[in-house]
Amino acid sequence: MVDADTALEATAAPTDRPREVLDARELPPPEPLRSSLERLAELDAETVLVQRNDRAPQHLYPKLDDRGYEYETVEHDEEVVTVVWRP
């Protein structure tokens, strides 16, 4: 299991901002997508979302692009962490 700090350091995401972690590993599709978008809508522009999942959120990426977010995904063993932030 990779922690939020390790995932952030492996990406270009700002490390000096507040962060919110969403554990979507146990959620069936499309709940990880829905939960991520709802959480992002609730967060202020400075907060970085760290989504923990068991697979890359392929359907999330185009929605993030459309909304102007930056993101990177880090794969580690059986866990995938996607870090999402506003530029």
PDB file of N, CA and C in Angstrom:
ATOM      1  N   MET A   1       0.848  -1.176   0.000  1.00  0.00           N
ATOM      2  CA  MET A   1       0.000   0.000   0.000  1.00  0.00           C
ATOM      3  C   MET A   1       0.894   1.241   0.000  1.00  0.00           C
ATOM      4  N   VAL A   2       0.563   2.167  -0.865  1.00  0.00           N
ATOM      5  CA  VAL A   2       1.316   3.413  -0.963  1.00  0.00           C
ATOM      6  C   VAL A   2       0.547   4.502  -0.207  1.00  0.00           C
ATOM      7  N   ASP A   3       1.257   5.313   0.560  1.00  0.00           N
ATOM      8  CA  ASP A   3       0.566   6.366   1.303  1.00  0.00           C
ATOM      9  C   ASP A   3       0.466   7.634   0.467  1.00  0.00           C
ATOM     10  N   ALA A   4      -0.337   8.571   0.931  1.00  0.00           N
ATOM     11  CA  ALA A   4      -0.594   9.806   0.184  1.00  0.00           C
ATOM     12  C   ALA A   4       0.678  10.607  -0.033  1.00  0.00           C
ATOM     13  N   ASP A   5       1.546  10.678   0.970  1.00  0.00           N
ATOM     14  CA  ASP A   5       2.788  11.450   0.833  1.00  0.00           C
ATOM     15  C   ASP A   5       3.688  10.862  -0.253  1.00  0.00           C
ATOM     16  N   THR A   6       3.822   9.544  -0.271  1.00  0.00           N
ATOM     17  CA  THR A   6       4.652   8.883  -1.278  1.00  0.00           C
ATOM     18  C   THR A   6       4.083   9.108  -2.672  1.00  0.00           C
ATOM     19  N   ALA A   7       2.763   8.993  -2.818  1.00  0.00           N
ATOM     20  CA  ALA A   7       2.124   9.213  -4.117  1.00  0.00           C
ATOM     21  C   ALA A   7       2.338  10.647  -4.584  1.00  0.00           C
ATOM     22  N   LEU A   8       2.175  11.620  -3.689  1.00  0.00           N
ATOM     23  CA  LEU A   8       2.370  13.022  -4.056  1.00  0.00           C
ATOM     24  C   LEU A   8       3.796  13.287  -4.514  1.00  0.00           C
ATOM     25  N   GLU A   9       4.757  12.719  -3.811  1.00  0.00           N
ATOM     26  CA  GLU A   9       6.158  12.938  -4.158  1.00  0.00           C
ATOM     27  C   GLU A   9       6.523  12.327  -5.505  1.00  0.00           C
ATOM     28  N   ALA A  10       5.769  11.329  -5.949  1.00  0.00           N
ATOM     29  CA  ALA A  10       6.034  10.673  -7.232  1.00  0.00           C
ATOM     30  C   ALA A  10       5.367  11.397  -8.398  1.00  0.00           C
ATOM     31  N   THR A  11       4.679  12.502  -8.118  1.00  0.00           N
ATOM     32  CA  THR A  11       3.981  13.247  -9.163  1.00  0.00           C
ATOM     33  C   THR A  11       4.444  14.697  -9.167  1.00  0.00           C
ATOM     34  N   ALA A  12       3.892  15.459 -10.099  1.00  0.00           N
ATOM     35  CA  ALA A  12       4.173  16.896 -10.167  1.00  0.00           C
ATOM     36  C   ALA A  12       3.175  17.702  -9.334  1.00  0.00           C
ATOM     37  N   ALA A  13       2.329  17.028  -8.569  1.00  0.00           N
ATOM     38  CA  ALA A  13       1.327  17.708  -7.751  1.00  0.00           C
ATOM     39  C   ALA A  13       2.000  18.555  -6.686  1.00  0.00           C
ATOM     40  N   PRO A  14       1.396  19.687  -6.343  1.00  0.00           N
ATOM     41  CA  PRO A  14       1.953  20.520  -5.274  1.00  0.00           C
ATOM     42  C   PRO A  14       1.879  19.776  -3.939  1.00  0.00           C
ATOM     43  N   THR A  15       2.977  19.737  -3.226  1.00  0.00           N
ATOM     44  CA  THR A  15       3.033  19.023  -1.950  1.00  0.00           C
ATOM     45  C   THR A  15       2.756  19.927  -0.758  1.00  0.00           C
ATOM     46  N   ASP A  16       2.650  21.228  -1.003  1.00  0.00           N
ATOM     47  CA  ASP A  16       2.445  22.169   0.087  1.00  0.00           C
ATOM     48  C   ASP A  16       0.975  22.563   0.276  1.00  0.00           C
ATOM     49  N   ARG A  17       0.085  21.874  -0.393  1.00  0.00           N
ATOM     50  CA  ARG A  17      -1.339  22.171  -0.286  1.00  0.00           C
ATOM     51  C   ARG A  17      -2.036  21.147   0.603  1.00  0.00           C
ATOM     52  N   PRO A  18      -3.216  21.523   1.113  1.00  0.00           N
ATOM     53  CA  PRO A  18      -4.001  20.523   1.850  1.00  0.00           C
ATOM     54  C   PRO A  18      -4.398  19.391   0.908  1.00  0.00           C
ATOM     55  N   ARG A  19      -4.634  18.226   1.481  1.00  0.00           N
ATOM     56  CA  ARG A  19      -5.029  17.093   0.648  1.00  0.00           C
ATOM     57  C   ARG A  19      -6.210  16.359   1.252  1.00  0.00           C
ATOM     58  N   GLU A  20      -6.958  15.751   0.387  1.00  0.00           N
ATOM     59  CA  GLU A  20      -8.122  14.951   0.761  1.00  0.00           C
ATOM     60  C   GLU A  20      -7.915  13.583   0.120  1.00  0.00           C
ATOM     61  N   VAL A  21      -8.110  12.519   0.892  1.00  0.00           N
ATOM     62  CA  VAL A  21      -7.932  11.162   0.379  1.00  0.00           C
ATOM     63  C   VAL A  21      -9.296  10.521   0.205  1.00  0.00           C
ATOM     64  N   LEU A  22      -9.496   9.918  -0.964  1.00  0.00           N
ATOM     65  CA  LEU A  22     -10.715   9.174  -1.270  1.00  0.00           C
ATOM     66  C   LEU A  22     -10.312   7.730  -1.541  1.00  0.00           C
ATOM     67  N   ASP A  23     -10.762   6.817  -0.709  1.00  0.00           N
ATOM     68  CA  ASP A  23     -10.459   5.395  -0.894  1.00  0.00           C
ATOM     69  C   ASP A  23     -11.598   4.768  -1.688  1.00  0.00           C
ATOM     70  N   ALA A  24     -11.339   4.501  -2.964  1.00  0.00           N
ATOM     71  CA  ALA A  24     -12.356   3.950  -3.861  1.00  0.00           C
ATOM     72  C   ALA A  24     -12.103   2.486  -4.180  1.00  0.00           C
ATOM     73  N   ARG A  25     -11.209   1.844  -3.452  1.00  0.00           N
ATOM     74  CA  ARG A  25     -10.818   0.471  -3.761  1.00  0.00           C
ATOM     75  C   ARG A  25     -11.960  -0.519  -3.652  1.00  0.00           C
ATOM     76  N   GLU A  26     -12.884  -0.290  -2.768  1.00  0.00           N
ATOM     77  CA  GLU A  26     -13.986  -1.233  -2.555  1.00  0.00           C
ATOM     78  C   GLU A  26     -15.267  -0.830  -3.295  1.00  0.00           C
ATOM     79  N   LEU A  27     -15.239   0.300  -3.979  1.00  0.00           N
ATOM     80  CA  LEU A  27     -16.447   0.793  -4.650  1.00  0.00           C
ATOM     81  C   LEU A  27     -16.612   0.171  -6.025  1.00  0.00           C
ATOM     82  N   PRO A  28     -17.816  -0.292  -6.354  1.00  0.00           N
ATOM     83  CA  PRO A  28     -18.055  -0.838  -7.692  1.00  0.00           C
ATOM     84  C   PRO A  28     -18.246   0.304  -8.695  1.00  0.00           C
ATOM     85  N   PRO A  29     -17.916   0.056  -9.963  1.00  0.00           N
ATOM     86  CA  PRO A  29     -18.164   1.080 -10.994  1.00  0.00           C
ATOM     87  C   PRO A  29     -19.657   1.385 -11.065  1.00  0.00           C
ATOM     88  N   PRO A  30     -20.045   2.599 -11.284  1.00  0.00           N
ATOM     89  CA  PRO A  30     -19.278   3.808 -11.566  1.00  0.00           C
ATOM     90  C   PRO A  30     -19.023   4.666 -10.324  1.00  0.00           C
ATOM     91  N   GLU A  31     -19.122   4.092  -9.127  1.00  0.00           N
ATOM     92  CA  GLU A  31     -18.987   4.869  -7.896  1.00  0.00           C
ATOM     93  C   GLU A  31     -17.643   5.589  -7.736  1.00  0.00           C
ATOM     94  N   PRO A  32     -16.501   4.996  -8.101  1.00  0.00           N
ATOM     95  CA  PRO A  32     -15.256   5.769  -7.981  1.00  0.00           C
ATOM     96  C   PRO A  32     -15.277   7.051  -8.817  1.00  0.00           C
ATOM     97  N   LEU A  33     -15.808   6.957 -10.024  1.00  0.00           N
ATOM     98  CA  LEU A  33     -15.920   8.131 -10.893  1.00  0.00           C
ATOM     99  C   LEU A  33     -16.847   9.161 -10.264  1.00  0.00           C
ATOM    100  N   ARG A  34     -18.013   8.737  -9.871  1.00  0.00           N
ATOM    101  CA  ARG A  34     -19.012   9.639  -9.280  1.00  0.00           C
ATOM    102  C   ARG A  34     -18.490  10.259  -7.985  1.00  0.00           C
ATOM    103  N   SER A  35     -17.917   9.443  -7.126  1.00  0.00           N
ATOM    104  CA  SER A  35     -17.408   9.943  -5.844  1.00  0.00           C
ATOM    105  C   SER A  35     -16.277  10.945  -6.036  1.00  0.00           C
ATOM    106  N   SER A  36     -15.404  10.669  -6.991  1.00  0.00           N
ATOM    107  CA  SER A  36     -14.283  11.579  -7.252  1.00  0.00           C
ATOM    108  C   SER A  36     -14.786  12.926  -7.755  1.00  0.00           C
ATOM    109  N   LEU A  37     -15.703  12.918  -8.710  1.00  0.00           N
ATOM    110  CA  LEU A  37     -16.218  14.168  -9.256  1.00  0.00           C
ATOM    111  C   LEU A  37     -17.003  14.957  -8.210  1.00  0.00           C
ATOM    112  N   GLU A  38     -17.783  14.259  -7.384  1.00  0.00           N
ATOM    113  CA  GLU A  38     -18.525  14.946  -6.326  1.00  0.00           C
ATOM    114  C   GLU A  38     -17.573  15.557  -5.309  1.00  0.00           C
ATOM    115  N   ARG A  39     -16.545  14.811  -4.932  1.00  0.00           N
ATOM    116  CA  ARG A  39     -15.581  15.319  -3.946  1.00  0.00           C
ATOM    117  C   ARG A  39     -14.841  16.521  -4.506  1.00  0.00           C
ATOM    118  N   LEU A  40     -14.421  16.452  -5.768  1.00  0.00           N
ATOM    119  CA  LEU A  40     -13.717  17.582  -6.380  1.00  0.00           C
ATOM    120  C   LEU A  40     -14.589  18.833  -6.400  1.00  0.00           C
ATOM    121  N   ALA A  41     -15.873  18.670  -6.660  1.00  0.00           N
ATOM    122  CA  ALA A  41     -16.794  19.805  -6.692  1.00  0.00           C
ATOM    123  C   ALA A  41     -16.923  20.458  -5.315  1.00  0.00           C
ATOM    124  N   GLU A  42     -16.734  19.678  -4.247  1.00  0.00           N
ATOM    125  CA  GLU A  42     -16.855  20.191  -2.885  1.00  0.00           C
ATOM    126  C   GLU A  42     -15.578  20.851  -2.376  1.00  0.00           C
ATOM    127  N   LEU A  43     -14.430  20.489  -2.959  1.00  0.00           N
ATOM    128  CA  LEU A  43     -13.136  20.967  -2.465  1.00  0.00           C
ATOM    129  C   LEU A  43     -12.821  22.364  -2.980  1.00  0.00           C
ATOM    130  N   ASP A  44     -12.055  23.112  -2.175  1.00  0.00           N
ATOM    131  CA  ASP A  44     -11.599  24.404  -2.670  1.00  0.00           C
ATOM    132  C   ASP A  44     -10.476  24.180  -3.684  1.00  0.00           C
ATOM    133  N   ALA A  45     -10.112  25.222  -4.400  1.00  0.00           N
ATOM    134  CA  ALA A  45      -9.158  25.111  -5.510  1.00  0.00           C
ATOM    135  C   ALA A  45      -7.746  24.745  -5.061  1.00  0.00           C
ATOM    136  N   GLU A  46      -7.437  24.910  -3.782  1.00  0.00           N
ATOM    137  CA  GLU A  46      -6.091  24.617  -3.289  1.00  0.00           C
ATOM    138  C   GLU A  46      -5.908  23.161  -2.855  1.00  0.00           C
ATOM    139  N   THR A  47      -6.998  22.455  -2.611  1.00  0.00           N
ATOM    140  CA  THR A  47      -6.910  21.101  -2.074  1.00  0.00           C
ATOM    141  C   THR A  47      -6.616  20.091  -3.174  1.00  0.00           C
ATOM    142  N   VAL A  48      -5.717  19.176  -2.875  1.00  0.00           N
ATOM    143  CA  VAL A  48      -5.326  18.100  -3.784  1.00  0.00           C
ATOM    144  C   VAL A  48      -6.110  16.851  -3.400  1.00  0.00           C
ATOM    145  N   LEU A  49      -6.730  16.210  -4.382  1.00  0.00           N
ATOM    146  CA  LEU A  49      -7.452  14.968  -4.140  1.00  0.00           C
ATOM    147  C   LEU A  49      -6.533  13.794  -4.446  1.00  0.00           C
ATOM    148  N   VAL A  50      -6.451  12.864  -3.504  1.00  0.00           N
ATOM    149  CA  VAL A  50      -5.676  11.640  -3.688  1.00  0.00           C
ATOM    150  C   VAL A  50      -6.675  10.492  -3.696  1.00  0.00           C
ATOM    151  N   GLN A  51      -6.876   9.895  -4.879  1.00  0.00           N
ATOM    152  CA  GLN A  51      -7.827   8.800  -5.013  1.00  0.00           C
ATOM    153  C   GLN A  51      -7.081   7.480  -5.004  1.00  0.00           C
ATOM    154  N   ARG A  52      -7.406   6.615  -4.041  1.00  0.00           N
ATOM    155  CA  ARG A  52      -6.835   5.272  -3.977  1.00  0.00           C
ATOM    156  C   ARG A  52      -7.815   4.325  -4.640  1.00  0.00           C
ATOM    157  N   ASN A  53      -7.293   3.474  -5.535  1.00  0.00           N
ATOM    158  CA  ASN A  53      -8.162   2.584  -6.283  1.00  0.00           C
ATOM    159  C   ASN A  53      -7.425   1.284  -6.563  1.00  0.00           C
ATOM    160  N   ASP A  54      -8.148   0.298  -7.075  1.00  0.00           N
ATOM    161  CA  ASP A  54      -7.515  -0.967  -7.437  1.00  0.00           C
ATOM    162  C   ASP A  54      -7.214  -1.037  -8.939  1.00  0.00           C
ATOM    163  N   ARG A  55      -7.550   0.034  -9.663  1.00  0.00           N
ATOM    164  CA  ARG A  55      -7.278   0.113 -11.104  1.00  0.00           C
ATOM    165  C   ARG A  55      -7.213   1.582 -11.506  1.00  0.00           C
ATOM    166  N   ALA A  56      -6.605   1.841 -12.645  1.00  0.00           N
ATOM    167  CA  ALA A  56      -6.528   3.218 -13.153  1.00  0.00           C
ATOM    168  C   ALA A  56      -7.933   3.696 -13.518  1.00  0.00           C
ATOM    169  N   PRO A  57      -8.298   4.900 -13.127  1.00  0.00           N
ATOM    170  CA  PRO A  57      -9.637   5.429 -13.392  1.00  0.00           C
ATOM    171  C   PRO A  57      -9.753   6.004 -14.815  1.00  0.00           C
ATOM    172  N   GLN A  58      -9.724   5.144 -15.795  1.00  0.00           N
ATOM    173  CA  GLN A  58      -9.700   5.555 -17.205  1.00  0.00           C
ATOM    174  C   GLN A  58     -10.846   6.494 -17.591  1.00  0.00           C
ATOM    175  N   HIS A  59     -12.023   6.267 -17.036  1.00  0.00           N
ATOM    176  CA  HIS A  59     -13.179   7.112 -17.385  1.00  0.00           C
ATOM    177  C   HIS A  59     -13.139   8.468 -16.687  1.00  0.00           C
ATOM    178  N   LEU A  60     -12.321   8.576 -15.658  1.00  0.00           N
ATOM    179  CA  LEU A  60     -12.191   9.841 -14.942  1.00  0.00           C
ATOM    180  C   LEU A  60     -11.319  10.834 -15.707  1.00  0.00           C
ATOM    181  N   TYR A  61     -10.291  10.350 -16.375  1.00  0.00           N
ATOM    182  CA  TYR A  61      -9.321  11.230 -17.031  1.00  0.00           C
ATOM    183  C   TYR A  61      -9.948  12.246 -17.994  1.00  0.00           C
ATOM    184  N   PRO A  62     -10.826  11.834 -18.924  1.00  0.00           N
ATOM    185  CA  PRO A  62     -11.400  12.843 -19.832  1.00  0.00           C
ATOM    186  C   PRO A  62     -12.259  13.876 -19.102  1.00  0.00           C
ATOM    187  N   LYS A  63     -12.907  13.462 -18.032  1.00  0.00           N
ATOM    188  CA  LYS A  63     -13.727  14.407 -17.265  1.00  0.00           C
ATOM    189  C   LYS A  63     -12.839  15.424 -16.541  1.00  0.00           C
ATOM    190  N   LEU A  64     -11.690  14.971 -16.073  1.00  0.00           N
ATOM    191  CA  LEU A  64     -10.742  15.894 -15.441  1.00  0.00           C
ATOM    192  C   LEU A  64     -10.188  16.870 -16.465  1.00  0.00           C
ATOM    193  N   ASP A  65      -9.863  16.367 -17.649  1.00  0.00           N
ATOM    194  CA  ASP A  65      -9.386  17.237 -18.730  1.00  0.00           C
ATOM    195  C   ASP A  65     -10.422  18.312 -19.048  1.00  0.00           C
ATOM    196  N   ASP A  66     -11.687  17.905 -19.166  1.00  0.00           N
ATOM    197  CA  ASP A  66     -12.766  18.848 -19.489  1.00  0.00           C
ATOM    198  C   ASP A  66     -12.927  19.932 -18.428  1.00  0.00           C
ATOM    199  N   ARG A  67     -12.622  19.597 -17.177  1.00  0.00           N
ATOM    200  CA  ARG A  67     -12.809  20.533 -16.064  1.00  0.00           C
ATOM    201  C   ARG A  67     -11.546  21.311 -15.718  1.00  0.00           C
ATOM    202  N   GLY A  68     -10.461  21.073 -16.448  1.00  0.00           N
ATOM    203  CA  GLY A  68      -9.240  21.849 -16.252  1.00  0.00           C
ATOM    204  C   GLY A  68      -8.337  21.388 -15.120  1.00  0.00           C
ATOM    205  N   TYR A  69      -8.485  20.145 -14.674  1.00  0.00           N
ATOM    206  CA  TYR A  69      -7.627  19.624 -13.609  1.00  0.00           C
ATOM    207  C   TYR A  69      -6.346  19.043 -14.179  1.00  0.00           C
ATOM    208  N   GLU A  70      -5.305  19.043 -13.369  1.00  0.00           N
ATOM    209  CA  GLU A  70      -4.075  18.309 -13.640  1.00  0.00           C
ATOM    210  C   GLU A  70      -4.174  17.013 -12.845  1.00  0.00           C
ATOM    211  N   TYR A  71      -3.534  15.955 -13.321  1.00  0.00           N
ATOM    212  CA  TYR A  71      -3.587  14.690 -12.598  1.00  0.00           C
ATOM    213  C   TYR A  71      -2.440  13.790 -13.033  1.00  0.00           C
ATOM    214  N   GLU A  72      -2.091  12.889 -12.153  1.00  0.00           N
ATOM    215  CA  GLU A  72      -1.117  11.843 -12.442  1.00  0.00           C
ATOM    216  C   GLU A  72      -1.515  10.607 -11.676  1.00  0.00           C
ATOM    217  N   THR A  73      -1.226   9.462 -12.264  1.00  0.00           N
ATOM    218  CA  THR A  73      -1.532   8.184 -11.636  1.00  0.00           C
ATOM    219  C   THR A  73      -0.239   7.439 -11.353  1.00  0.00           C
ATOM    220  N   VAL A  74      -0.152   6.890 -10.151  1.00  0.00           N
ATOM    221  CA  VAL A  74       0.998   6.104  -9.723  1.00  0.00           C
ATOM    222  C   VAL A  74       0.500   4.697  -9.408  1.00  0.00           C
ATOM    223  N   GLU A  75       1.102   3.700 -10.040  1.00  0.00           N
ATOM    224  CA  GLU A  75       0.728   2.309  -9.772  1.00  0.00           C
ATOM    225  C   GLU A  75       1.768   1.689  -8.857  1.00  0.00           C
ATOM    226  N   HIS A  76       1.276   1.010  -7.825  1.00  0.00           N
ATOM    227  CA  HIS A  76       2.161   0.393  -6.846  1.00  0.00           C
ATOM    228  C   HIS A  76       1.539  -0.929  -6.414  1.00  0.00           C
ATOM    229  N   ASP A  77       2.190  -2.038  -6.775  1.00  0.00           N
ATOM    230  CA  ASP A  77       1.687  -3.377  -6.446  1.00  0.00           C
ATOM    231  C   ASP A  77       0.227  -3.512  -6.880  1.00  0.00           C
ATOM    232  N   GLU A  78      -0.668  -3.706  -5.919  1.00  0.00           N
ATOM    233  CA  GLU A  78      -2.084  -3.912  -6.248  1.00  0.00           C
ATOM    234  C   GLU A  78      -2.925  -2.650  -6.054  1.00  0.00           C
ATOM    235  N   GLU A  79      -2.275  -1.524  -5.873  1.00  0.00           N
ATOM    236  CA  GLU A  79      -2.997  -0.274  -5.655  1.00  0.00           C
ATOM    237  C   GLU A  79      -2.596   0.765  -6.689  1.00  0.00           C
ATOM    238  N   VAL A  80      -3.573   1.549  -7.105  1.00  0.00           N
ATOM    239  CA  VAL A  80      -3.350   2.649  -8.043  1.00  0.00           C
ATOM    240  C   VAL A  80      -3.788   3.930  -7.350  1.00  0.00           C
ATOM    241  N   VAL A  81      -2.907   4.923  -7.373  1.00  0.00           N
ATOM    242  CA  VAL A  81      -3.224   6.204  -6.718  1.00  0.00           C
ATOM    243  C   VAL A  81      -3.219   7.275  -7.797  1.00  0.00           C
ATOM    244  N   THR A  82      -4.324   7.997  -7.900  1.00  0.00           N
ATOM    245  CA  THR A  82      -4.424   9.118  -8.828  1.00  0.00           C
ATOM    246  C   THR A  82      -4.504  10.399  -8.009  1.00  0.00           C
ATOM    247  N   VAL A  83      -3.593  11.316  -8.324  1.00  0.00           N
ATOM    248  CA  VAL A  83      -3.526  12.594  -7.629  1.00  0.00           C
ATOM    249  C   VAL A  83      -4.081  13.657  -8.568  1.00  0.00           C
ATOM    250  N   VAL A  84      -5.043  14.448  -8.068  1.00  0.00           N
ATOM    251  CA  VAL A  84      -5.746  15.442  -8.890  1.00  0.00           C
ATOM    252  C   VAL A  84      -5.623  16.805  -8.218  1.00  0.00           C
ATOM    253  N   TRP A  85      -5.291  17.813  -9.024  1.00  0.00           N
ATOM    254  CA  TRP A  85      -5.149  19.171  -8.468  1.00  0.00           C
ATOM    255  C   TRP A  85      -5.472  20.219  -9.517  1.00  0.00           C
ATOM    256  N   ARG A  86      -5.754  21.409  -9.029  1.00  0.00           N
ATOM    257  CA  ARG A  86      -5.937  22.576  -9.912  1.00  0.00           C
ATOM    258  C   ARG A  86      -4.574  23.195 -10.150  1.00  0.00           C
ATOM    259  N   PRO A  87      -4.289  23.572 -11.415  1.00  0.00           N
ATOM    260  CA  PRO A  87      -2.997  24.206 -11.692  1.00  0.00           C
ATOM    261  C   PRO A  87      -2.901  25.601 -11.090  1.00  0.00           C
TER     262      PRO A  87
END
